């Protein structure tokens, strides 16, 4: 019993003291993301509804899942303003290369 009490008092004192390692361990994922933002965190946080309606149904569903899931830990701006594109298939990639060659000018 005495060991438990000593342990609990030590934990309480450490957390109350504001020891640097203790606070870092207590940060939630959202706090970590907000404390260390990426440059794409500062872009738009949503896709315009009119633009979203032009996307295929599976892309719209993915967007809605992204907003619900990713925005739990960081702004939705992070994935929405990413420099990376994942085409749906080879035909979509070929069309993208044809329609927007500027996206492929840099490796």
PDB file of N, CA and C in Angstrom:
ATOM      1  N   UNK A   1       0.825  -1.196   0.000  1.00  0.00           N
ATOM      2  CA  UNK A   1       0.000   0.000   0.000  1.00  0.00           C
ATOM      3  C   UNK A   1       0.863   1.251   0.000  1.00  0.00           C
ATOM      4  N   UNK A   2       1.921   1.261   0.810  1.00  0.00           N
ATOM      5  CA  UNK A   2       2.789   2.414   0.918  1.00  0.00           C
ATOM      6  C   UNK A   2       3.505   2.689  -0.406  1.00  0.00           C
ATOM      7  N   UNK A   3       3.892   1.631  -1.124  1.00  0.00           N
ATOM      8  CA  UNK A   3       4.545   1.790  -2.431  1.00  0.00           C
ATOM      9  C   UNK A   3       3.589   2.430  -3.434  1.00  0.00           C
ATOM     10  N   UNK A   4       2.335   1.987  -3.431  1.00  0.00           N
ATOM     11  CA  UNK A   4       1.348   2.551  -4.352  1.00  0.00           C
ATOM     12  C   UNK A   4       1.160   4.033  -4.092  1.00  0.00           C
ATOM     13  N   UNK A   5       1.055   4.397  -2.838  1.00  0.00           N
ATOM     14  CA  UNK A   5       0.856   5.793  -2.471  1.00  0.00           C
ATOM     15  C   UNK A   5       2.060   6.631  -2.886  1.00  0.00           C
ATOM     16  N   UNK A   6       3.255   6.109  -2.650  1.00  0.00           N
ATOM     17  CA  UNK A   6       4.475   6.818  -3.040  1.00  0.00           C
ATOM     18  C   UNK A   6       4.516   7.003  -4.555  1.00  0.00           C
ATOM     19  N   UNK A   7       4.167   5.949  -5.278  1.00  0.00           N
ATOM     20  CA  UNK A   7       4.166   6.017  -6.745  1.00  0.00           C
ATOM     21  C   UNK A   7       3.164   7.058  -7.244  1.00  0.00           C
ATOM     22  N   UNK A   8       1.963   7.048  -6.696  1.00  0.00           N
ATOM     23  CA  UNK A   8       0.948   8.012  -7.110  1.00  0.00           C
ATOM     24  C   UNK A   8       1.353   9.442  -6.793  1.00  0.00           C
ATOM     25  N   UNK A   9       1.959   9.657  -5.647  1.00  0.00           N
ATOM     26  CA  UNK A   9       2.431  10.999  -5.273  1.00  0.00           C
ATOM     27  C   UNK A   9       3.532  11.447  -6.225  1.00  0.00           C
ATOM     28  N   UNK A  10       4.439  10.551  -6.564  1.00  0.00           N
ATOM     29  CA  UNK A  10       5.526  10.887  -7.494  1.00  0.00           C
ATOM     30  C   UNK A  10       4.978  11.261  -8.859  1.00  0.00           C
ATOM     31  N   UNK A  11       4.017  10.507  -9.354  1.00  0.00           N
ATOM     32  CA  UNK A  11       3.396  10.814 -10.649  1.00  0.00           C
ATOM     33  C   UNK A  11       2.710  12.166 -10.601  1.00  0.00           C
ATOM     34  N   UNK A  12       1.973  12.419  -9.528  1.00  0.00           N
ATOM     35  CA  UNK A  12       1.272  13.695  -9.393  1.00  0.00           C
ATOM     36  C   UNK A  12       2.251  14.861  -9.347  1.00  0.00           C
ATOM     37  N   UNK A  13       3.351  14.704  -8.630  1.00  0.00           N
ATOM     38  CA  UNK A  13       4.350  15.777  -8.545  1.00  0.00           C
ATOM     39  C   UNK A  13       5.027  16.024  -9.891  1.00  0.00           C
ATOM     40  N   UNK A  14       5.347  14.955 -10.606  1.00  0.00           N
ATOM     41  CA  UNK A  14       5.977  15.111 -11.918  1.00  0.00           C
ATOM     42  C   UNK A  14       5.051  15.816 -12.903  1.00  0.00           C
ATOM     43  N   UNK A  15       3.799  15.429 -12.929  1.00  0.00           N
ATOM     44  CA  UNK A  15       2.879  16.051 -13.875  1.00  0.00           C
ATOM     45  C   UNK A  15       2.579  17.488 -13.476  1.00  0.00           C
ATOM     46  N   UNK A  16       2.575  17.791 -12.197  1.00  0.00           N
ATOM     47  CA  UNK A  16       2.314  19.153 -11.741  1.00  0.00           C
ATOM     48  C   UNK A  16       3.531  20.048 -11.929  1.00  0.00           C
ATOM     49  N   UNK A  17       4.716  19.449 -11.927  1.00  0.00           N
ATOM     50  CA  UNK A  17       5.939  20.243 -12.035  1.00  0.00           C
ATOM     51  C   UNK A  17       6.166  20.778 -13.434  1.00  0.00           C
ATOM     52  N   UNK A  18       5.510  20.188 -14.396  1.00  0.00           N
ATOM     53  CA  UNK A  18       5.697  20.652 -15.778  1.00  0.00           C
ATOM     54  C   UNK A  18       7.024  20.219 -16.361  1.00  0.00           C
ATOM     55  N   UNK A  19       7.520  19.078 -15.951  1.00  0.00           N
ATOM     56  CA  UNK A  19       8.772  18.565 -16.495  1.00  0.00           C
ATOM     57  C   UNK A  19       8.633  18.444 -18.005  1.00  0.00           C
ATOM     58  N   UNK A  20       9.658  18.863 -18.759  1.00  0.00           N
ATOM     59  CA  UNK A  20       9.549  18.893 -20.225  1.00  0.00           C
ATOM     60  C   UNK A  20       9.157  17.572 -20.853  1.00  0.00           C
ATOM     61  N   UNK A  21       9.719  16.467 -20.407  1.00  0.00           N
ATOM     62  CA  UNK A  21       9.406  15.168 -20.981  1.00  0.00           C
ATOM     63  C   UNK A  21       7.981  14.734 -20.700  1.00  0.00           C
ATOM     64  N   UNK A  22       7.465  15.122 -19.550  1.00  0.00           N
ATOM     65  CA  UNK A  22       6.113  14.733 -19.175  1.00  0.00           C
ATOM     66  C   UNK A  22       5.103  15.404 -20.085  1.00  0.00           C
ATOM     67  N   UNK A  23       5.236  16.706 -20.326  1.00  0.00           N
ATOM     68  CA  UNK A  23       4.287  17.435 -21.170  1.00  0.00           C
ATOM     69  C   UNK A  23       4.313  16.894 -22.598  1.00  0.00           C
ATOM     70  N   UNK A  24       5.492  16.591 -23.121  1.00  0.00           N
ATOM     71  CA  UNK A  24       5.600  16.065 -24.484  1.00  0.00           C
ATOM     72  C   UNK A  24       4.867  14.740 -24.607  1.00  0.00           C
ATOM     73  N   UNK A  25       4.942  13.919 -23.572  1.00  0.00           N
ATOM     74  CA  UNK A  25       4.268  12.623 -23.621  1.00  0.00           C
ATOM     75  C   UNK A  25       2.760  12.781 -23.555  1.00  0.00           C
ATOM     76  N   UNK A  26       2.293  13.861 -22.962  1.00  0.00           N
ATOM     77  CA  UNK A  26       0.855  14.063 -22.804  1.00  0.00           C
ATOM     78  C   UNK A  26       0.192  14.698 -24.021  1.00  0.00           C
ATOM     79  N   UNK A  27       0.974  15.231 -24.934  1.00  0.00           N
ATOM     80  CA  UNK A  27       0.382  15.894 -26.095  1.00  0.00           C
ATOM     81  C   UNK A  27      -0.440  14.915 -26.915  1.00  0.00           C
ATOM     82  N   UNK A  28      -1.621  15.333 -27.301  1.00  0.00           N
ATOM     83  CA  UNK A  28      -2.425  14.497 -28.197  1.00  0.00           C
ATOM     84  C   UNK A  28      -1.867  14.614 -29.601  1.00  0.00           C
ATOM     85  N   UNK A  29      -2.321  13.753 -30.485  1.00  0.00           N
ATOM     86  CA  UNK A  29      -1.869  13.824 -31.878  1.00  0.00           C
ATOM     87  C   UNK A  29      -2.214  15.173 -32.497  1.00  0.00           C
ATOM     88  N   UNK A  30      -3.381  15.704 -32.175  1.00  0.00           N
ATOM     89  CA  UNK A  30      -3.770  16.997 -32.740  1.00  0.00           C
ATOM     90  C   UNK A  30      -2.855  18.103 -32.229  1.00  0.00           C
ATOM     91  N   UNK A  31      -2.507  18.066 -30.945  1.00  0.00           N
ATOM     92  CA  UNK A  31      -1.581  19.061 -30.398  1.00  0.00           C
ATOM     93  C   UNK A  31      -0.232  18.984 -31.099  1.00  0.00           C
ATOM     94  N   UNK A  32       0.240  17.758 -31.352  1.00  0.00           N
ATOM     95  CA  UNK A  32       1.518  17.584 -32.042  1.00  0.00           C
ATOM     96  C   UNK A  32       1.452  18.169 -33.449  1.00  0.00           C
ATOM     97  N   UNK A  33       0.366  17.883 -34.155  1.00  0.00           N
ATOM     98  CA  UNK A  33       0.222  18.384 -35.526  1.00  0.00           C
ATOM     99  C   UNK A  33       0.138  19.905 -35.547  1.00  0.00           C
ATOM    100  N   UNK A  34      -0.580  20.479 -34.596  1.00  0.00           N
ATOM    101  CA  UNK A  34      -0.706  21.938 -34.549  1.00  0.00           C
ATOM    102  C   UNK A  34       0.597  22.603 -34.135  1.00  0.00           C
ATOM    103  N   UNK A  35       1.379  21.950 -33.297  1.00  0.00           N
ATOM    104  CA  UNK A  35       2.646  22.510 -32.852  1.00  0.00           C
ATOM    105  C   UNK A  35       3.727  22.435 -33.923  1.00  0.00           C
ATOM    106  N   UNK A  36       3.568  21.529 -34.890  1.00  0.00           N
ATOM    107  CA  UNK A  36       4.579  21.334 -35.920  1.00  0.00           C
ATOM    108  C   UNK A  36       3.907  21.285 -37.290  1.00  0.00           C
ATOM    109  N   UNK A  37       3.366  22.416 -37.764  1.00  0.00           N
ATOM    110  CA  UNK A  37       2.610  22.395 -39.027  1.00  0.00           C
ATOM    111  C   UNK A  37       3.498  22.217 -40.255  1.00  0.00           C
ATOM    112  N   UNK A  38       2.908  21.670 -41.314  1.00  0.00           N
ATOM    113  CA  UNK A  38       3.542  21.588 -42.617  1.00  0.00           C
ATOM    114  C   UNK A  38       3.112  22.800 -43.426  1.00  0.00           C
ATOM    115  N   UNK A  39       3.845  23.104 -44.479  1.00  0.00           N
ATOM    116  CA  UNK A  39       3.481  24.266 -45.298  1.00  0.00           C
ATOM    117  C   UNK A  39       2.106  24.097 -45.918  1.00  0.00           C
ATOM    118  N   UNK A  40       1.711  22.866 -46.278  1.00  0.00           N
ATOM    119  CA  UNK A  40       0.392  22.691 -46.882  1.00  0.00           C
ATOM    120  C   UNK A  40      -0.746  22.823 -45.872  1.00  0.00           C
ATOM    121  N   UNK A  41      -0.448  22.932 -44.571  1.00  0.00           N
ATOM    122  CA  UNK A  41      -1.485  23.191 -43.574  1.00  0.00           C
ATOM    123  C   UNK A  41      -2.089  24.583 -43.739  1.00  0.00           C
ATOM    124  N   UNK A  42      -1.375  25.456 -44.445  1.00  0.00           N
ATOM    125  CA  UNK A  42      -1.826  26.838 -44.567  1.00  0.00           C
ATOM    126  C   UNK A  42      -2.647  27.088 -45.831  1.00  0.00           C
ATOM    127  N   UNK A  43      -2.929  26.036 -46.602  1.00  0.00           N
ATOM    128  CA  UNK A  43      -3.735  26.169 -47.813  1.00  0.00           C
ATOM    129  C   UNK A  43      -5.213  26.014 -47.500  1.00  0.00           C
ATOM    130  N   UNK A  44      -6.040  25.964 -48.544  1.00  0.00           N
ATOM    131  CA  UNK A  44      -7.485  25.794 -48.347  1.00  0.00           C
ATOM    132  C   UNK A  44      -7.803  24.505 -47.593  1.00  0.00           C
ATOM    133  N   UNK A  45      -8.829  24.553 -46.756  1.00  0.00           N
ATOM    134  CA  UNK A  45      -9.197  23.404 -45.930  1.00  0.00           C
ATOM    135  C   UNK A  45     -10.360  22.601 -46.494  1.00  0.00           C
ATOM    136  N   UNK A  46     -10.860  22.981 -47.672  1.00  0.00           N
ATOM    137  CA  UNK A  46     -11.990  22.264 -48.260  1.00  0.00           C
ATOM    138  C   UNK A  46     -11.964  22.431 -49.769  1.00  0.00           C
ATOM    139  N   UNK A  47     -12.623  21.497 -50.437  1.00  0.00           N
ATOM    140  CA  UNK A  47     -12.813  21.590 -51.889  1.00  0.00           C
ATOM    141  C   UNK A  47     -14.182  22.224 -52.108  1.00  0.00           C
ATOM    142  N   UNK A  48     -14.251  23.164 -53.032  1.00  0.00           N
ATOM    143  CA  UNK A  48     -15.508  23.833 -53.336  1.00  0.00           C
ATOM    144  C   UNK A  48     -16.567  22.789 -53.724  1.00  0.00           C
ATOM    145  N   UNK A  49     -17.769  22.964 -53.216  1.00  0.00           N
ATOM    146  CA  UNK A  49     -18.861  22.009 -53.460  1.00  0.00           C
ATOM    147  C   UNK A  49     -19.123  21.823 -54.953  1.00  0.00           C
ATOM    148  N   UNK A  50     -19.072  22.895 -55.727  1.00  0.00           N
ATOM    149  CA  UNK A  50     -19.316  22.799 -57.169  1.00  0.00           C
ATOM    150  C   UNK A  50     -18.248  21.947 -57.846  1.00  0.00           C
ATOM    151  N   UNK A  51     -17.011  22.080 -57.403  1.00  0.00           N
ATOM    152  CA  UNK A  51     -15.918  21.282 -57.963  1.00  0.00           C
ATOM    153  C   UNK A  51     -16.055  19.830 -57.514  1.00  0.00           C
ATOM    154  N   UNK A  52     -16.385  19.628 -56.251  1.00  0.00           N
ATOM    155  CA  UNK A  52     -16.525  18.276 -55.713  1.00  0.00           C
ATOM    156  C   UNK A  52     -17.580  17.474 -56.475  1.00  0.00           C
ATOM    157  N   UNK A  53     -18.660  18.117 -56.887  1.00  0.00           N
ATOM    158  CA  UNK A  53     -19.731  17.418 -57.614  1.00  0.00           C
ATOM    159  C   UNK A  53     -19.284  16.917 -58.981  1.00  0.00           C
ATOM    160  N   UNK A  54     -18.201  17.478 -59.520  1.00  0.00           N
ATOM    161  CA  UNK A  54     -17.711  17.033 -60.826  1.00  0.00           C
ATOM    162  C   UNK A  54     -16.854  15.767 -60.718  1.00  0.00           C
ATOM    163  N   UNK A  55     -16.464  15.376 -59.515  1.00  0.00           N
ATOM    164  CA  UNK A  55     -15.633  14.200 -59.307  1.00  0.00           C
ATOM    165  C   UNK A  55     -16.484  12.930 -59.321  1.00  0.00           C
ATOM    166  N   UNK A  56     -15.879  11.785 -59.654  1.00  0.00           N
ATOM    167  CA  UNK A  56     -16.608  10.506 -59.599  1.00  0.00           C
ATOM    168  C   UNK A  56     -17.070  10.217 -58.161  1.00  0.00           C
ATOM    169  N   UNK A  57     -18.082   9.362 -58.047  1.00  0.00           N
ATOM    170  CA  UNK A  57     -18.672   9.053 -56.739  1.00  0.00           C
ATOM    171  C   UNK A  57     -17.644   8.496 -55.753  1.00  0.00           C
ATOM    172  N   UNK A  58     -16.730   7.635 -56.242  1.00  0.00           N
ATOM    173  CA  UNK A  58     -15.741   7.055 -55.323  1.00  0.00           C
ATOM    174  C   UNK A  58     -14.753   8.107 -54.802  1.00  0.00           C
ATOM    175  N   UNK A  59     -14.453   9.108 -55.612  1.00  0.00           N
ATOM    176  CA  UNK A  59     -13.565  10.188 -55.175  1.00  0.00           C
ATOM    177  C   UNK A  59     -14.291  11.074 -54.166  1.00  0.00           C
ATOM    178  N   UNK A  60     -15.566  11.344 -54.413  1.00  0.00           N
ATOM    179  CA  UNK A  60     -16.359  12.122 -53.455  1.00  0.00           C
ATOM    180  C   UNK A  60     -16.428  11.402 -52.110  1.00  0.00           C
ATOM    181  N   UNK A  61     -16.620  10.088 -52.141  1.00  0.00           N
ATOM    182  CA  UNK A  61     -16.674   9.307 -50.899  1.00  0.00           C
ATOM    183  C   UNK A  61     -15.333   9.350 -50.177  1.00  0.00           C
ATOM    184  N   UNK A  62     -14.252   9.257 -50.937  1.00  0.00           N
ATOM    185  CA  UNK A  62     -12.910   9.350 -50.341  1.00  0.00           C
ATOM    186  C   UNK A  62     -12.669  10.704 -49.705  1.00  0.00           C
ATOM    187  N   UNK A  63     -13.134  11.753 -50.366  1.00  0.00           N
ATOM    188  CA  UNK A  63     -12.996  13.110 -49.820  1.00  0.00           C
ATOM    189  C   UNK A  63     -13.744  13.232 -48.500  1.00  0.00           C
ATOM    190  N   UNK A  64     -14.962  12.717 -48.460  1.00  0.00           N
ATOM    191  CA  UNK A  64     -15.761  12.798 -47.227  1.00  0.00           C
ATOM    192  C   UNK A  64     -15.106  11.999 -46.100  1.00  0.00           C
ATOM    193  N   UNK A  65     -14.521  10.850 -46.431  1.00  0.00           N
ATOM    194  CA  UNK A  65     -13.814  10.057 -45.427  1.00  0.00           C
ATOM    195  C   UNK A  65     -12.570  10.790 -44.942  1.00  0.00           C
ATOM    196  N   UNK A  66     -11.885  11.455 -45.860  1.00  0.00           N
ATOM    197  CA  UNK A  66     -10.695  12.230 -45.503  1.00  0.00           C
ATOM    198  C   UNK A  66     -11.054  13.339 -44.525  1.00  0.00           C
ATOM    199  N   UNK A  67     -12.129  14.054 -44.807  1.00  0.00           N
ATOM    200  CA  UNK A  67     -12.550  15.157 -43.949  1.00  0.00           C
ATOM    201  C   UNK A  67     -12.885  14.643 -42.550  1.00  0.00           C
ATOM    202  N   UNK A  68     -13.561  13.503 -42.482  1.00  0.00           N
ATOM    203  CA  UNK A  68     -13.934  12.950 -41.173  1.00  0.00           C
ATOM    204  C   UNK A  68     -12.730  12.360 -40.445  1.00  0.00           C
ATOM    205  N   UNK A  69     -11.882  11.637 -41.171  1.00  0.00           N
ATOM    206  CA  UNK A  69     -10.771  10.932 -40.537  1.00  0.00           C
ATOM    207  C   UNK A  69      -9.535  11.774 -40.313  1.00  0.00           C
ATOM    208  N   UNK A  70      -9.005  12.341 -41.369  1.00  0.00           N
ATOM    209  CA  UNK A  70      -7.739  13.075 -41.270  1.00  0.00           C
ATOM    210  C   UNK A  70      -7.868  14.333 -40.421  1.00  0.00           C
ATOM    211  N   UNK A  71      -9.014  14.961 -40.480  1.00  0.00           N
ATOM    212  CA  UNK A  71      -9.187  16.223 -39.752  1.00  0.00           C
ATOM    213  C   UNK A  71      -9.277  16.008 -38.245  1.00  0.00           C
ATOM    214  N   UNK A  72      -9.234  14.765 -37.793  1.00  0.00           N
ATOM    215  CA  UNK A  72      -9.233  14.509 -36.355  1.00  0.00           C
ATOM    216  C   UNK A  72      -7.907  14.935 -35.726  1.00  0.00           C
ATOM    217  N   UNK A  73      -6.811  14.759 -36.462  1.00  0.00           N
ATOM    218  CA  UNK A  73      -5.483  15.054 -35.906  1.00  0.00           C
ATOM    219  C   UNK A  73      -4.846  16.309 -36.478  1.00  0.00           C
ATOM    220  N   UNK A  74      -5.241  16.725 -37.664  1.00  0.00           N
ATOM    221  CA  UNK A  74      -4.674  17.930 -38.264  1.00  0.00           C
ATOM    222  C   UNK A  74      -5.686  18.533 -39.205  1.00  0.00           C
ATOM    223  N   UNK A  75      -5.406  19.689 -39.676  1.00  0.00           N
ATOM    224  CA  UNK A  75      -6.298  20.366 -40.599  1.00  0.00           C
ATOM    225  C   UNK A  75      -6.450  19.543 -41.880  1.00  0.00           C
ATOM    226  N   UNK A  76      -7.624  19.569 -42.470  1.00  0.00           N
ATOM    227  CA  UNK A  76      -7.838  18.873 -43.745  1.00  0.00           C
ATOM    228  C   UNK A  76      -6.994  19.495 -44.850  1.00  0.00           C
ATOM    229  N   UNK A  77      -6.478  20.688 -44.603  1.00  0.00           N
ATOM    230  CA  UNK A  77      -5.619  21.347 -45.589  1.00  0.00           C
ATOM    231  C   UNK A  77      -4.360  20.530 -45.871  1.00  0.00           C
ATOM    232  N   UNK A  78      -3.885  19.769 -44.887  1.00  0.00           N
ATOM    233  CA  UNK A  78      -2.640  19.012 -45.069  1.00  0.00           C
ATOM    234  C   UNK A  78      -2.728  18.039 -46.239  1.00  0.00           C
ATOM    235  N   UNK A  79      -3.681  17.114 -46.276  1.00  0.00           N
ATOM    236  CA  UNK A  79      -3.737  16.218 -47.437  1.00  0.00           C
ATOM    237  C   UNK A  79      -4.284  16.896 -48.694  1.00  0.00           C
ATOM    238  N   UNK A  80      -5.176  17.862 -48.537  1.00  0.00           N
ATOM    239  CA  UNK A  80      -5.767  18.505 -49.710  1.00  0.00           C
ATOM    240  C   UNK A  80      -4.744  19.321 -50.497  1.00  0.00           C
ATOM    241  N   UNK A  81      -3.743  19.843 -49.832  1.00  0.00           N
ATOM    242  CA  UNK A  81      -2.726  20.663 -50.491  1.00  0.00           C
ATOM    243  C   UNK A  81      -1.418  19.919 -50.680  1.00  0.00           C
ATOM    244  N   UNK A  82      -1.490  18.604 -50.615  1.00  0.00           N
ATOM    245  CA  UNK A  82      -0.314  17.779 -50.805  1.00  0.00           C
ATOM    246  C   UNK A  82       0.191  17.900 -52.237  1.00  0.00           C
ATOM    247  N   UNK A  83       1.485  17.756 -52.400  1.00  0.00           N
ATOM    248  CA  UNK A  83       2.077  17.813 -53.738  1.00  0.00           C
ATOM    249  C   UNK A  83       1.973  16.479 -54.452  1.00  0.00           C
ATOM    250  N   UNK A  84       1.487  15.467 -53.794  1.00  0.00           N
ATOM    251  CA  UNK A  84       1.444  14.129 -54.365  1.00  0.00           C
ATOM    252  C   UNK A  84       0.056  13.792 -54.885  1.00  0.00           C
ATOM    253  N   UNK A  85       0.026  13.115 -56.035  1.00  0.00           N
ATOM    254  CA  UNK A  85      -1.227  12.710 -56.657  1.00  0.00           C
ATOM    255  C   UNK A  85      -1.171  11.200 -56.853  1.00  0.00           C
ATOM    256  N   UNK A  86      -2.244  10.526 -56.509  1.00  0.00           N
ATOM    257  CA  UNK A  86      -2.319   9.089 -56.734  1.00  0.00           C
ATOM    258  C   UNK A  86      -3.437   8.825 -57.735  1.00  0.00           C
ATOM    259  N   UNK A  87      -3.075   8.580 -59.007  1.00  0.00           N
ATOM    260  CA  UNK A  87      -4.110   8.318 -60.013  1.00  0.00           C
ATOM    261  C   UNK A  87      -4.848   7.018 -59.732  1.00  0.00           C
ATOM    262  N   UNK A  88      -6.081   6.967 -60.183  1.00  0.00           N
ATOM    263  CA  UNK A  88      -6.921   5.799 -59.939  1.00  0.00           C
ATOM    264  C   UNK A  88      -6.421   4.559 -60.668  1.00  0.00           C
ATOM    265  N   UNK A  89      -5.933   4.739 -61.903  1.00  0.00           N
ATOM    266  CA  UNK A  89      -5.427   3.610 -62.692  1.00  0.00           C
ATOM    267  C   UNK A  89      -4.528   4.147 -63.799  1.00  0.00           C
ATOM    268  N   UNK A  90      -4.008   3.258 -64.658  1.00  0.00           N
ATOM    269  CA  UNK A  90      -3.087   3.674 -65.723  1.00  0.00           C
ATOM    270  C   UNK A  90      -3.760   4.593 -66.733  1.00  0.00           C
ATOM    271  N   UNK A  91      -5.029   4.343 -67.029  1.00  0.00           N
ATOM    272  CA  UNK A  91      -5.750   5.192 -67.988  1.00  0.00           C
ATOM    273  C   UNK A  91      -5.914   6.600 -67.416  1.00  0.00           C
ATOM    274  N   UNK A  92      -6.209   6.693 -66.130  1.00  0.00           N
ATOM    275  CA  UNK A  92      -6.349   8.001 -65.491  1.00  0.00           C
ATOM    276  C   UNK A  92      -5.017   8.728 -65.484  1.00  0.00           C
ATOM    277  N   UNK A  93      -3.928   7.991 -65.260  1.00  0.00           N
ATOM    278  CA  UNK A  93      -2.602   8.594 -65.276  1.00  0.00           C
ATOM    279  C   UNK A  93      -2.260   9.125 -66.669  1.00  0.00           C
ATOM    280  N   UNK A  94      -2.545   8.337 -67.714  1.00  0.00           N
ATOM    281  CA  UNK A  94      -2.277   8.774 -69.089  1.00  0.00           C
ATOM    282  C   UNK A  94      -3.081  10.022 -69.430  1.00  0.00           C
ATOM    283  N   UNK A  95      -4.326  10.067 -69.005  1.00  0.00           N
ATOM    284  CA  UNK A  95      -5.176  11.233 -69.263  1.00  0.00           C
ATOM    285  C   UNK A  95      -4.647  12.459 -68.521  1.00  0.00           C
ATOM    286  N   UNK A  96      -4.221  12.247 -67.292  1.00  0.00           N
ATOM    287  CA  UNK A  96      -3.674  13.349 -66.505  1.00  0.00           C
ATOM    288  C   UNK A  96      -2.408  13.900 -67.143  1.00  0.00           C
ATOM    289  N   UNK A  97      -1.537  13.018 -67.628  1.00  0.00           N
ATOM    290  CA  UNK A  97      -0.308  13.458 -68.296  1.00  0.00           C
ATOM    291  C   UNK A  97      -0.619  14.239 -69.566  1.00  0.00           C
ATOM    292  N   UNK A  98      -1.658  13.822 -70.276  1.00  0.00           N
ATOM    293  CA  UNK A  98      -2.044  14.515 -71.512  1.00  0.00           C
ATOM    294  C   UNK A  98      -2.688  15.868 -71.216  1.00  0.00           C
ATOM    295  N   UNK A  99      -3.614  15.891 -70.243  1.00  0.00           N
ATOM    296  CA  UNK A  99      -4.378  17.108 -69.950  1.00  0.00           C
ATOM    297  C   UNK A  99      -3.601  18.141 -69.141  1.00  0.00           C
ATOM    298  N   UNK A 100      -2.682  17.675 -68.285  1.00  0.00           N
ATOM    299  CA  UNK A 100      -1.945  18.603 -67.423  1.00  0.00           C
ATOM    300  C   UNK A 100      -0.452  18.264 -67.408  1.00  0.00           C
ATOM    301  N   UNK A 101       0.220  18.450 -68.515  1.00  0.00           N
ATOM    302  CA  UNK A 101       1.630  18.068 -68.590  1.00  0.00           C
ATOM    303  C   UNK A 101       2.518  18.858 -67.616  1.00  0.00           C
ATOM    304  N   UNK A 102       2.078  20.032 -67.200  1.00  0.00           N
ATOM    305  CA  UNK A 102       2.875  20.832 -66.276  1.00  0.00           C
ATOM    306  C   UNK A 102       3.086  20.133 -64.926  1.00  0.00           C
ATOM    307  N   UNK A 103       2.180  19.215 -64.583  1.00  0.00           N
ATOM    308  CA  UNK A 103       2.343  18.482 -63.338  1.00  0.00           C
ATOM    309  C   UNK A 103       3.510  17.525 -63.387  1.00  0.00           C
ATOM    310  N   UNK A 104       3.948  17.161 -64.578  1.00  0.00           N
ATOM    311  CA  UNK A 104       4.971  16.144 -64.744  1.00  0.00           C
ATOM    312  C   UNK A 104       6.314  16.707 -65.217  1.00  0.00           C
ATOM    313  N   UNK A 105       6.425  18.031 -65.267  1.00  0.00           N
ATOM    314  CA  UNK A 105       7.681  18.614 -65.773  1.00  0.00           C
ATOM    315  C   UNK A 105       8.838  18.413 -64.798  1.00  0.00           C
ATOM    316  N   UNK A 106       8.569  18.358 -63.477  1.00  0.00           N
ATOM    317  CA  UNK A 106       9.594  18.119 -62.471  1.00  0.00           C
ATOM    318  C   UNK A 106       9.492  16.685 -61.975  1.00  0.00           C
ATOM    319  N   UNK A 107      10.620  16.059 -61.781  1.00  0.00           N
ATOM    320  CA  UNK A 107      10.615  14.698 -61.257  1.00  0.00           C
ATOM    321  C   UNK A 107      10.125  14.716 -59.824  1.00  0.00           C
TER     322      UNK A 107
END
